[in-house]
Amino acid sequence: MLSRTAENLFWMARYMERAEATARLLTMGQRMTILPGAHHRDEWRSVVRAAGCEGQFPAGTPVTESDVVSYLMLDPDNPSSIRSCLLKARANAKSARTMLTQDMWESLNEGWRKLDSYDLAEARQQLPALIDWVKTRVMTFRGAADAGQLRNEGHDFLRAGAALERAQMTLRLLDVKYYVLLPETEVIGGNRDHYQWTSVLYALSGVRAYHHVYGGTYTPWQITDFLMLNRLFPRSVAFCADQLAYRLNRLAGWHDSRGPCHDTVQEMVGVMEGLDSGEIFRRGLHETVQMGLKMTNKLGHEIAQTYYFI
């Protein structure tokens, strides 16, 4: 496979997952803003901070829902906005058209300019529906790939990109929780804290899965353990690390060679195996999340180097 085609597949999957991740960040921001005292905690700033774009908003001034919807959903100049991600995913798909099934292409091509027709007022008014539309588009693409694509190296590049982006999505959502509570640790364990933690599960569609594992008790330690370390939940960091290791090992077999990314992903799997929820809170949730983000960023760069994307 040409390295250019591999790059197209890898980034196509990343952009689709990123669009969904941003939609889920918006969902979580909305849920947290309806809690008492949200205005004083500047919940929307925690969302842009977790999205890695706080620098776009001046310190000391409140970040509003309008600011966030405009920048994270509609702004064509923001490379990580939902609008930009969908456009870039389609552009990558167009360049790797022969590697996609008809259903995969149609899922990317249908309504790809939908957000172009929305102004900010319309987007805010229809925000829940737009978020659902984005998630549906991504899930349709994912299902089409799962049902029809050949399990060759192209599929492995696709799944590796998706797993890497998904791991970062979960880590960023956990970082939202950290930033929300940072100024007011006295609420830990209270009703507001409970709803903030369960909002993380809702954003990751993990409420029912969590309930099957832990029953009806929601604690910060169990939720963190579930989202970071549970190897059966598809959005946990540990599950994504296992998937990355599996896909990269398959690619090593296809290419009969290994690179630094294979060592890094094994290190990441080992770190996940060595952690427990108690260790995460002893080390600090924010510190553990930042360690995970640093490792996944390094891994993404090494995958690009190993397979000549850069």
C-alpha atoms as a PDB file:
ATOM      1  CA  MET A   1       0.000   0.000   0.000  1.00  0.00           C
ATOM      2  CA  LEU A   2       1.234   3.497  -0.816  1.00  0.00           C
ATOM      3  CA  SER A   3       2.115   5.512   2.288  1.00  0.00           C
ATOM      4  CA  ARG A   4      -0.146   8.300   1.015  1.00  0.00           C
ATOM      5  CA  THR A   5      -3.147   5.954   0.942  1.00  0.00           C
ATOM      6  CA  ALA A   6      -2.310   4.674   4.425  1.00  0.00           C
ATOM      7  CA  GLU A   7      -2.159   8.267   5.661  1.00  0.00           C
ATOM      8  CA  ASN A   8      -5.539   9.045   4.088  1.00  0.00           C
ATOM      9  CA  LEU A   9      -7.183   6.096   5.840  1.00  0.00           C
ATOM     10  CA  PHE A  10      -5.494   6.807   9.174  1.00  0.00           C
ATOM     11  CA  TRP A  11      -6.513  10.473   9.203  1.00  0.00           C
ATOM     12  CA  MET A  12      -9.962   9.867   7.771  1.00  0.00           C
ATOM     13  CA  ALA A  13     -10.729   7.728  10.810  1.00  0.00           C
ATOM     14  CA  ARG A  14      -9.139  10.255  13.152  1.00  0.00           C
ATOM     15  CA  TYR A  15     -11.183  13.139  11.763  1.00  0.00           C
ATOM     16  CA  MET A  16     -14.428  11.184  12.039  1.00  0.00           C
ATOM     17  CA  GLU A  17     -13.686  10.228  15.639  1.00  0.00           C
ATOM     18  CA  ARG A  18     -12.645  13.818  16.375  1.00  0.00           C
ATOM     19  CA  ALA A  19     -15.927  15.152  15.032  1.00  0.00           C
ATOM     20  CA  GLU A  20     -17.778  12.786  17.338  1.00  0.00           C
ATOM     21  CA  ALA A  21     -15.475  13.637  20.260  1.00  0.00           C
ATOM     22  CA  THR A  22     -16.174  17.337  19.831  1.00  0.00           C
ATOM     23  CA  ALA A  23     -19.913  16.662  19.664  1.00  0.00           C
ATOM     24  CA  ARG A  24     -19.645  14.719  22.914  1.00  0.00           C
ATOM     25  CA  LEU A  25     -17.699  17.565  24.531  1.00  0.00           C
ATOM     26  CA  LEU A  26     -20.530  19.916  23.603  1.00  0.00           C
ATOM     27  CA  THR A  27     -23.066  17.493  25.082  1.00  0.00           C
ATOM     28  CA  MET A  28     -21.134  17.315  28.308  1.00  0.00           C
ATOM     29  CA  GLY A  29     -20.767  21.094  28.472  1.00  0.00           C
ATOM     30  CA  GLN A  30     -24.522  21.493  28.075  1.00  0.00           C
ATOM     31  CA  ARG A  31     -25.245  19.002  30.833  1.00  0.00           C
ATOM     32  CA  MET A  32     -22.840  20.694  33.231  1.00  0.00           C
ATOM     33  CA  THR A  33     -24.148  24.204  32.586  1.00  0.00           C
ATOM     34  CA  ILE A  34     -27.594  23.303  33.932  1.00  0.00           C
ATOM     35  CA  LEU A  35     -26.146  22.419  37.354  1.00  0.00           C
ATOM     36  CA  PRO A  36     -26.348  25.014  40.172  1.00  0.00           C
ATOM     37  CA  GLY A  37     -23.509  27.520  40.169  1.00  0.00           C
ATOM     38  CA  ALA A  38     -22.442  26.780  36.597  1.00  0.00           C
ATOM     39  CA  HIS A  39     -22.169  30.481  35.752  1.00  0.00           C
ATOM     40  CA  HIS A  40     -19.555  31.006  38.455  1.00  0.00           C
ATOM     41  CA  ARG A  41     -17.536  27.960  37.408  1.00  0.00           C
ATOM     42  CA  ASP A  42     -17.286  29.023  33.731  1.00  0.00           C
ATOM     43  CA  GLU A  43     -18.168  25.512  32.517  1.00  0.00           C
ATOM     44  CA  TRP A  44     -17.726  26.356  28.836  1.00  0.00           C
ATOM     45  CA  ARG A  45     -14.118  27.364  29.402  1.00  0.00           C
ATOM     46  CA  SER A  46     -13.461  23.886  30.749  1.00  0.00           C
ATOM     47  CA  VAL A  47     -14.786  22.489  27.457  1.00  0.00           C
ATOM     48  CA  VAL A  48     -12.508  24.596  25.247  1.00  0.00           C
ATOM     49  CA  ARG A  49      -9.617  23.858  27.584  1.00  0.00           C
ATOM     50  CA  ALA A  50     -10.184  20.129  27.232  1.00  0.00           C
ATOM     51  CA  ALA A  51     -10.471  20.561  23.452  1.00  0.00           C
ATOM     52  CA  GLY A  52      -7.008  22.103  23.488  1.00  0.00           C
ATOM     53  CA  CYS A  53      -8.060  25.542  22.230  1.00  0.00           C
ATOM     54  CA  GLU A  54      -8.303  27.693  25.368  1.00  0.00           C
ATOM     55  CA  GLY A  55      -5.701  30.017  23.871  1.00  0.00           C
ATOM     56  CA  GLN A  56      -8.349  31.262  21.433  1.00  0.00           C
ATOM     57  CA  PHE A  57     -10.320  32.800  24.312  1.00  0.00           C
ATOM     58  CA  PRO A  58      -8.854  35.661  26.407  1.00  0.00           C
ATOM     59  CA  ALA A  59      -8.233  34.852  30.057  1.00  0.00           C
ATOM     60  CA  GLY A  60     -10.469  36.589  32.552  1.00  0.00           C
ATOM     61  CA  THR A  61     -13.532  36.816  30.307  1.00  0.00           C
ATOM     62  CA  PRO A  62     -16.337  34.244  30.500  1.00  0.00           C
ATOM     63  CA  VAL A  63     -16.667  31.765  27.635  1.00  0.00           C
ATOM     64  CA  THR A  64     -20.262  31.458  26.481  1.00  0.00           C
ATOM     65  CA  GLU A  65     -22.187  28.736  24.716  1.00  0.00           C
ATOM     66  CA  SER A  66     -22.265  30.947  21.612  1.00  0.00           C
ATOM     67  CA  ASP A  67     -18.461  31.189  21.643  1.00  0.00           C
ATOM     68  CA  VAL A  68     -18.037  27.442  21.936  1.00  0.00           C
ATOM     69  CA  VAL A  69     -20.660  26.456  19.355  1.00  0.00           C
ATOM     70  CA  SER A  70     -19.237  28.946  16.894  1.00  0.00           C
ATOM     71  CA  TYR A  71     -15.633  27.814  17.343  1.00  0.00           C
ATOM     72  CA  LEU A  72     -15.982  24.065  17.944  1.00  0.00           C
ATOM     73  CA  MET A  73     -18.865  23.330  15.588  1.00  0.00           C
ATOM     74  CA  LEU A  74     -19.049  25.908  12.777  1.00  0.00           C
ATOM     75  CA  ASP A  75     -15.701  27.669  12.381  1.00  0.00           C
ATOM     76  CA  PRO A  76     -14.076  26.626   9.063  1.00  0.00           C
ATOM     77  CA  ASP A  77     -10.773  28.174  10.193  1.00  0.00           C
ATOM     78  CA  ASN A  78     -10.574  25.937  13.273  1.00  0.00           C
ATOM     79  CA  PRO A  79      -8.963  22.676  12.057  1.00  0.00           C
ATOM     80  CA  SER A  80     -10.626  20.733  14.886  1.00  0.00           C
ATOM     81  CA  SER A  81     -14.166  22.080  14.508  1.00  0.00           C
ATOM     82  CA  ILE A  82     -16.824  19.554  13.599  1.00  0.00           C
ATOM     83  CA  ARG A  83     -17.347  21.267  10.262  1.00  0.00           C
ATOM     84  CA  SER A  84     -13.622  21.101   9.418  1.00  0.00           C
ATOM     85  CA  CYS A  85     -13.299  17.493  10.564  1.00  0.00           C
ATOM     86  CA  LEU A  86     -16.158  16.315   8.350  1.00  0.00           C
ATOM     87  CA  LEU A  87     -14.740  18.177   5.347  1.00  0.00           C
ATOM     88  CA  LYS A  88     -11.251  16.777   5.920  1.00  0.00           C
ATOM     89  CA  ALA A  89     -12.550  13.233   6.443  1.00  0.00           C
ATOM     90  CA  ARG A  90     -14.344  13.400   3.111  1.00  0.00           C
ATOM     91  CA  ALA A  91     -11.262  14.835   1.369  1.00  0.00           C
ATOM     92  CA  ASN A  92      -9.144  11.970   2.695  1.00  0.00           C
ATOM     93  CA  ALA A  93     -11.812   9.479   1.662  1.00  0.00           C
ATOM     94  CA  LYS A  94     -11.862  10.925  -1.850  1.00  0.00           C
ATOM     95  CA  SER A  95      -8.108  10.356  -2.130  1.00  0.00           C
ATOM     96  CA  ALA A  96      -8.444   6.743  -0.935  1.00  0.00           C
ATOM     97  CA  ARG A  97     -11.730   6.012  -2.689  1.00  0.00           C
ATOM     98  CA  THR A  98     -10.721   2.571  -3.976  1.00  0.00           C
ATOM     99  CA  MET A  99     -10.070   1.373  -0.400  1.00  0.00           C
ATOM    100  CA  LEU A 100     -13.620   2.164   0.747  1.00  0.00           C
ATOM    101  CA  THR A 101     -16.860   0.294   0.302  1.00  0.00           C
ATOM    102  CA  GLN A 102     -19.789   2.047  -1.349  1.00  0.00           C
ATOM    103  CA  ASP A 103     -21.551   2.323   2.019  1.00  0.00           C
ATOM    104  CA  MET A 104     -18.474   3.906   3.637  1.00  0.00           C
ATOM    105  CA  TRP A 105     -18.247   6.511   0.884  1.00  0.00           C
ATOM    106  CA  GLU A 106     -21.961   7.306   1.007  1.00  0.00           C
ATOM    107  CA  SER A 107     -21.850   7.751   4.783  1.00  0.00           C
ATOM    108  CA  LEU A 108     -19.103  10.356   4.320  1.00  0.00           C
ATOM    109  CA  ASN A 109     -20.570  12.005   1.230  1.00  0.00           C
ATOM    110  CA  GLU A 110     -24.167  12.363   2.387  1.00  0.00           C
ATOM    111  CA  GLY A 111     -24.815  15.769   3.905  1.00  0.00           C
ATOM    112  CA  TRP A 112     -21.120  16.630   4.111  1.00  0.00           C
ATOM    113  CA  ARG A 113     -21.885  20.336   3.623  1.00  0.00           C
ATOM    114  CA  LYS A 114     -24.842  20.365   6.016  1.00  0.00           C
ATOM    115  CA  LEU A 115     -23.161  22.649   8.559  1.00  0.00           C
ATOM    116  CA  ASP A 116     -22.318  25.213   5.858  1.00  0.00           C
ATOM    117  CA  SER A 117     -25.956  26.303   5.815  1.00  0.00           C
ATOM    118  CA  TYR A 118     -26.206  27.026   9.553  1.00  0.00           C
ATOM    119  CA  ASP A 119     -25.576  30.359  11.182  1.00  0.00           C
ATOM    120  CA  LEU A 120     -24.817  30.589  14.893  1.00  0.00           C
ATOM    121  CA  ALA A 121     -28.390  31.302  15.993  1.00  0.00           C
ATOM    122  CA  GLU A 122     -29.757  28.295  14.100  1.00  0.00           C
ATOM    123  CA  ALA A 123     -26.974  26.039  15.351  1.00  0.00           C
ATOM    124  CA  ARG A 124     -27.643  26.992  18.981  1.00  0.00           C
ATOM    125  CA  GLN A 125     -31.380  26.520  18.559  1.00  0.00           C
ATOM    126  CA  GLN A 126     -30.923  23.079  17.019  1.00  0.00           C
ATOM    127  CA  LEU A 127     -27.779  22.064  18.927  1.00  0.00           C
ATOM    128  CA  PRO A 128     -29.055  18.748  20.385  1.00  0.00           C
ATOM    129  CA  ALA A 129     -30.335  17.665  16.948  1.00  0.00           C
ATOM    130  CA  LEU A 130     -27.066  18.660  15.260  1.00  0.00           C
ATOM    131  CA  ILE A 131     -25.021  16.772  17.851  1.00  0.00           C
ATOM    132  CA  ASP A 132     -27.166  13.676  17.281  1.00  0.00           C
ATOM    133  CA  TRP A 133     -26.743  14.081  13.514  1.00  0.00           C
ATOM    134  CA  VAL A 134     -22.941  14.188  13.861  1.00  0.00           C
ATOM    135  CA  LYS A 135     -22.859  11.112  16.084  1.00  0.00           C
ATOM    136  CA  THR A 136     -25.175   9.243  13.696  1.00  0.00           C
ATOM    137  CA  ARG A 137     -22.965  10.083  10.696  1.00  0.00           C
ATOM    138  CA  VAL A 138     -19.875   8.809  12.494  1.00  0.00           C
ATOM    139  CA  MET A 139     -21.583   5.643  13.717  1.00  0.00           C
ATOM    140  CA  THR A 140     -22.940   4.943  10.221  1.00  0.00           C
ATOM    141  CA  PHE A 141     -19.432   5.247   8.796  1.00  0.00           C
ATOM    142  CA  ARG A 142     -18.036   3.012  11.525  1.00  0.00           C
ATOM    143  CA  GLY A 143     -20.727   0.391  10.949  1.00  0.00           C
ATOM    144  CA  ALA A 144     -20.170   0.434   7.185  1.00  0.00           C
ATOM    145  CA  ALA A 145     -16.446  -0.145   7.693  1.00  0.00           C
ATOM    146  CA  ASP A 146     -17.089  -2.954  10.145  1.00  0.00           C
ATOM    147  CA  ALA A 147     -19.599  -4.703   7.892  1.00  0.00           C
ATOM    148  CA  GLY A 148     -17.961  -4.462   4.481  1.00  0.00           C
ATOM    149  CA  GLN A 149     -14.299  -3.493   4.408  1.00  0.00           C
ATOM    150  CA  LEU A 150     -11.626  -6.101   3.700  1.00  0.00           C
ATOM    151  CA  ARG A 151      -9.527  -6.936   6.774  1.00  0.00           C
ATOM    152  CA  ASN A 152      -6.296  -5.917   5.102  1.00  0.00           C
ATOM    153  CA  GLU A 153      -3.670  -3.351   6.080  1.00  0.00           C
ATOM    154  CA  GLY A 154      -5.986  -0.537   4.999  1.00  0.00           C
ATOM    155  CA  HIS A 155      -8.503  -1.633   7.612  1.00  0.00           C
ATOM    156  CA  ASP A 156      -5.735  -1.771  10.215  1.00  0.00           C
ATOM    157  CA  PHE A 157      -4.678   1.816   9.470  1.00  0.00           C
ATOM    158  CA  LEU A 158      -8.320   2.883   9.707  1.00  0.00           C
ATOM    159  CA  ARG A 159      -8.860   1.168  13.052  1.00  0.00           C
ATOM    160  CA  ALA A 160      -5.541   2.370  14.472  1.00  0.00           C
ATOM    161  CA  GLY A 161      -6.443   5.976  13.693  1.00  0.00           C
ATOM    162  CA  ALA A 162      -9.876   5.570  15.263  1.00  0.00           C
ATOM    163  CA  ALA A 163      -8.517   3.919  18.424  1.00  0.00           C
ATOM    164  CA  LEU A 164      -5.871   6.600  18.900  1.00  0.00           C
ATOM    165  CA  GLU A 165      -8.374   9.443  18.550  1.00  0.00           C
ATOM    166  CA  ARG A 166     -10.910   7.695  20.776  1.00  0.00           C
ATOM    167  CA  ALA A 167      -8.369   7.244  23.571  1.00  0.00           C
ATOM    168  CA  GLN A 168      -7.629  10.952  23.419  1.00  0.00           C
ATOM    169  CA  MET A 169     -11.348  11.741  23.437  1.00  0.00           C
ATOM    170  CA  THR A 170     -11.878   9.833  26.683  1.00  0.00           C
ATOM    171  CA  LEU A 171      -8.840  11.439  28.274  1.00  0.00           C
ATOM    172  CA  ARG A 172     -10.042  14.926  27.290  1.00  0.00           C
ATOM    173  CA  LEU A 173     -13.512  14.309  28.670  1.00  0.00           C
ATOM    174  CA  LEU A 174     -11.981  13.256  31.974  1.00  0.00           C
ATOM    175  CA  ASP A 175      -9.930  16.439  31.891  1.00  0.00           C
ATOM    176  CA  VAL A 176     -13.147  18.460  31.603  1.00  0.00           C
ATOM    177  CA  LYS A 177     -14.212  16.909  34.878  1.00  0.00           C
ATOM    178  CA  TYR A 178     -10.891  17.819  36.470  1.00  0.00           C
ATOM    179  CA  TYR A 179     -11.095  21.455  35.389  1.00  0.00           C
ATOM    180  CA  VAL A 180     -14.721  21.808  36.484  1.00  0.00           C
ATOM    181  CA  LEU A 181     -13.976  20.717  40.040  1.00  0.00           C
ATOM    182  CA  LEU A 182     -10.537  22.278  40.369  1.00  0.00           C
ATOM    183  CA  PRO A 183     -11.771  25.600  41.843  1.00  0.00           C
ATOM    184  CA  GLU A 184     -14.203  24.015  44.294  1.00  0.00           C
ATOM    185  CA  THR A 185     -12.965  20.737  45.679  1.00  0.00           C
ATOM    186  CA  GLU A 186     -15.369  21.032  48.606  1.00  0.00           C
ATOM    187  CA  VAL A 187     -18.200  19.729  46.402  1.00  0.00           C
ATOM    188  CA  ILE A 188     -16.489  16.365  45.913  1.00  0.00           C
ATOM    189  CA  GLY A 189     -18.899  13.661  46.974  1.00  0.00           C
ATOM    190  CA  GLY A 190     -21.926  15.965  46.900  1.00  0.00           C
ATOM    191  CA  ASN A 191     -24.961  15.872  44.618  1.00  0.00           C
ATOM    192  CA  ARG A 192     -23.411  18.211  42.076  1.00  0.00           C
ATOM    193  CA  ASP A 193     -20.258  16.093  42.005  1.00  0.00           C
ATOM    194  CA  HIS A 194     -22.408  12.991  41.410  1.00  0.00           C
ATOM    195  CA  TYR A 195     -24.178  14.569  38.437  1.00  0.00           C
ATOM    196  CA  GLN A 196     -20.934  15.874  36.971  1.00  0.00           C
ATOM    197  CA  TRP A 197     -19.373  12.425  37.082  1.00  0.00           C
ATOM    198  CA  THR A 198     -22.419  10.716  35.579  1.00  0.00           C
ATOM    199  CA  SER A 199     -22.436  13.353  32.827  1.00  0.00           C
ATOM    200  CA  VAL A 200     -19.046  11.971  31.756  1.00  0.00           C
ATOM    201  CA  LEU A 201     -20.621   8.522  31.419  1.00  0.00           C
ATOM    202  CA  TYR A 202     -23.552   9.935  29.436  1.00  0.00           C
ATOM    203  CA  ALA A 203     -21.190  11.756  27.089  1.00  0.00           C
ATOM    204  CA  LEU A 204     -19.399   8.473  26.371  1.00  0.00           C
ATOM    205  CA  SER A 205     -22.608   6.388  26.111  1.00  0.00           C
ATOM    206  CA  GLY A 206     -21.327   4.365  29.035  1.00  0.00           C
ATOM    207  CA  VAL A 207     -24.130   4.532  31.609  1.00  0.00           C
ATOM    208  CA  ARG A 208     -25.658   1.112  30.925  1.00  0.00           C
ATOM    209  CA  ALA A 209     -22.278  -0.571  30.542  1.00  0.00           C
ATOM    210  CA  TYR A 210     -21.115   0.955  33.830  1.00  0.00           C
ATOM    211  CA  HIS A 211     -24.293  -0.218  35.540  1.00  0.00           C
ATOM    212  CA  HIS A 212     -23.632  -3.800  34.377  1.00  0.00           C
ATOM    213  CA  VAL A 213     -20.149  -3.672  35.921  1.00  0.00           C
ATOM    214  CA  TYR A 214     -20.742  -1.717  39.140  1.00  0.00           C
ATOM    215  CA  GLY A 215     -24.493  -1.711  39.715  1.00  0.00           C
ATOM    216  CA  GLY A 216     -26.225   1.502  40.737  1.00  0.00           C
ATOM    217  CA  THR A 217     -23.400   3.023  42.783  1.00  0.00           C
ATOM    218  CA  TYR A 218     -21.639   5.956  41.107  1.00  0.00           C
ATOM    219  CA  THR A 219     -18.350   7.036  42.647  1.00  0.00           C
ATOM    220  CA  PRO A 220     -15.456   9.013  41.152  1.00  0.00           C
ATOM    221  CA  TRP A 221     -13.089   6.099  41.737  1.00  0.00           C
ATOM    222  CA  GLN A 222     -15.283   3.545  40.004  1.00  0.00           C
ATOM    223  CA  ILE A 223     -16.114   5.820  37.064  1.00  0.00           C
ATOM    224  CA  THR A 224     -12.439   6.654  36.568  1.00  0.00           C
ATOM    225  CA  ASP A 225     -11.542   2.969  36.807  1.00  0.00           C
ATOM    226  CA  PHE A 226     -14.228   2.160  34.236  1.00  0.00           C
ATOM    227  CA  LEU A 227     -13.223   4.843  31.721  1.00  0.00           C
ATOM    228  CA  MET A 228      -9.485   4.414  32.103  1.00  0.00           C
ATOM    229  CA  LEU A 229      -8.895   0.747  32.857  1.00  0.00           C
ATOM    230  CA  ASN A 230     -11.885  -1.451  31.918  1.00  0.00           C
ATOM    231  CA  ARG A 231     -10.733  -3.674  29.050  1.00  0.00           C
ATOM    232  CA  LEU A 232     -14.282  -4.580  27.997  1.00  0.00           C
ATOM    233  CA  PHE A 233     -15.662  -1.070  27.451  1.00  0.00           C
ATOM    234  CA  PRO A 234     -14.832   0.090  23.887  1.00  0.00           C
ATOM    235  CA  ARG A 235     -14.252   3.720  24.872  1.00  0.00           C
ATOM    236  CA  SER A 236     -11.919   3.101  27.785  1.00  0.00           C
ATOM    237  CA  VAL A 237      -8.294   4.114  27.420  1.00  0.00           C
ATOM    238  CA  ALA A 238      -7.110   0.573  28.198  1.00  0.00           C
ATOM    239  CA  PHE A 239      -9.386  -0.949  25.525  1.00  0.00           C
ATOM    240  CA  CYS A 240      -8.111   1.567  22.953  1.00  0.00           C
ATOM    241  CA  ALA A 241      -4.502   0.808  23.922  1.00  0.00           C
ATOM    242  CA  ASP A 242      -5.152  -2.913  23.403  1.00  0.00           C
ATOM    243  CA  GLN A 243      -6.706  -2.176  20.012  1.00  0.00           C
ATOM    244  CA  LEU A 244      -3.749  -0.023  18.998  1.00  0.00           C
ATOM    245  CA  ALA A 245      -1.326  -2.771  20.006  1.00  0.00           C
ATOM    246  CA  TYR A 246      -3.327  -5.335  18.010  1.00  0.00           C
ATOM    247  CA  ARG A 247      -3.528  -3.165  14.887  1.00  0.00           C
ATOM    248  CA  LEU A 248       0.118  -2.109  14.994  1.00  0.00           C
ATOM    249  CA  ASN A 249       1.230  -5.714  15.475  1.00  0.00           C
ATOM    250  CA  ARG A 250      -0.793  -6.674  12.411  1.00  0.00           C
ATOM    251  CA  LEU A 251       0.803  -3.845  10.450  1.00  0.00           C
ATOM    252  CA  ALA A 252       4.233  -5.042  11.577  1.00  0.00           C
ATOM    253  CA  GLY A 253       3.306  -8.406  10.074  1.00  0.00           C
ATOM    254  CA  TRP A 254       2.092  -6.861   6.819  1.00  0.00           C
ATOM    255  CA  HIS A 255       5.300  -4.826   6.452  1.00  0.00           C
ATOM    256  CA  ASP A 256       7.659  -7.332   8.099  1.00  0.00           C
ATOM    257  CA  SER A 257       9.185  -4.571  10.212  1.00  0.00           C
ATOM    258  CA  ARG A 258       8.703  -2.768  13.495  1.00  0.00           C
ATOM    259  CA  GLY A 259       9.341   0.801  14.566  1.00  0.00           C
ATOM    260  CA  PRO A 260       9.350   3.017  17.668  1.00  0.00           C
ATOM    261  CA  CYS A 261       5.536   3.119  17.647  1.00  0.00           C
ATOM    262  CA  HIS A 262       5.417  -0.592  18.471  1.00  0.00           C
ATOM    263  CA  ASP A 263       7.561  -0.076  21.570  1.00  0.00           C
ATOM    264  CA  THR A 264       5.503   2.927  22.646  1.00  0.00           C
ATOM    265  CA  VAL A 265       2.181   1.130  22.318  1.00  0.00           C
ATOM    266  CA  GLN A 266       3.489  -1.791  24.374  1.00  0.00           C
ATOM    267  CA  GLU A 267       4.628   0.707  26.997  1.00  0.00           C
ATOM    268  CA  MET A 268       1.154   2.248  26.967  1.00  0.00           C
ATOM    269  CA  VAL A 269      -0.492  -1.162  27.436  1.00  0.00           C
ATOM    270  CA  GLY A 270       1.895  -1.899  30.309  1.00  0.00           C
ATOM    271  CA  VAL A 271       1.098   1.410  32.004  1.00  0.00           C
ATOM    272  CA  MET A 272      -2.633   0.674  31.799  1.00  0.00           C
ATOM    273  CA  GLU A 273      -2.090  -2.798  33.246  1.00  0.00           C
ATOM    274  CA  GLY A 274      -0.087  -1.374  36.147  1.00  0.00           C
ATOM    275  CA  LEU A 275      -2.661   1.236  37.184  1.00  0.00           C
ATOM    276  CA  ASP A 276      -5.689   0.995  39.420  1.00  0.00           C
ATOM    277  CA  SER A 277      -8.198   3.677  40.394  1.00  0.00           C
ATOM    278  CA  GLY A 278      -6.465   4.232  43.710  1.00  0.00           C
ATOM    279  CA  GLU A 279      -3.150   4.834  41.961  1.00  0.00           C
ATOM    280  CA  ILE A 280      -4.786   7.274  39.554  1.00  0.00           C
ATOM    281  CA  PHE A 281      -6.141   9.427  42.387  1.00  0.00           C
ATOM    282  CA  ARG A 282      -2.919   9.159  44.400  1.00  0.00           C
ATOM    283  CA  ARG A 283      -0.968  10.366  41.377  1.00  0.00           C
ATOM    284  CA  GLY A 284      -3.704  12.870  40.505  1.00  0.00           C
ATOM    285  CA  LEU A 285      -6.404  12.556  37.862  1.00  0.00           C
ATOM    286  CA  HIS A 286      -5.110  15.531  35.879  1.00  0.00           C
ATOM    287  CA  GLU A 287      -1.525  14.263  35.992  1.00  0.00           C
ATOM    288  CA  THR A 288      -2.599  10.782  34.857  1.00  0.00           C
ATOM    289  CA  VAL A 289      -4.707  12.214  32.036  1.00  0.00           C
ATOM    290  CA  GLN A 290      -1.837  14.435  30.892  1.00  0.00           C
ATOM    291  CA  MET A 291       0.510  11.446  30.940  1.00  0.00           C
ATOM    292  CA  GLY A 292      -1.962   9.551  28.730  1.00  0.00           C
ATOM    293  CA  LEU A 293      -2.314  12.477  26.315  1.00  0.00           C
ATOM    294  CA  LYS A 294       1.448  12.861  26.082  1.00  0.00           C
ATOM    295  CA  MET A 295       1.842   9.158  25.342  1.00  0.00           C
ATOM    296  CA  THR A 296      -0.888   9.107  22.678  1.00  0.00           C
ATOM    297  CA  ASN A 297       0.538  12.227  21.013  1.00  0.00           C
ATOM    298  CA  LYS A 298       3.950  10.576  20.907  1.00  0.00           C
ATOM    299  CA  LEU A 299       2.421   7.402  19.506  1.00  0.00           C
ATOM    300  CA  GLY A 300       0.622   9.275  16.742  1.00  0.00           C
ATOM    301  CA  HIS A 301       3.857  10.987  15.703  1.00  0.00           C
ATOM    302  CA  GLU A 302       5.757   7.687  15.713  1.00  0.00           C
ATOM    303  CA  ILE A 303       3.105   5.938  13.610  1.00  0.00           C
ATOM    304  CA  ALA A 304       3.492   8.713  11.047  1.00  0.00           C
ATOM    305  CA  GLN A 305       7.282   8.343  11.102  1.00  0.00           C
ATOM    306  CA  THR A 306       7.215   4.558  10.884  1.00  0.00           C
ATOM    307  CA  TYR A 307       4.884   4.497   7.901  1.00  0.00           C
ATOM    308  CA  TYR A 308       6.311   7.590   6.154  1.00  0.00           C
ATOM    309  CA  PHE A 309       3.356   9.901   6.629  1.00  0.00           C
ATOM    310  CA  ILE A 310       5.834  12.708   7.334  1.00  0.00           C
END
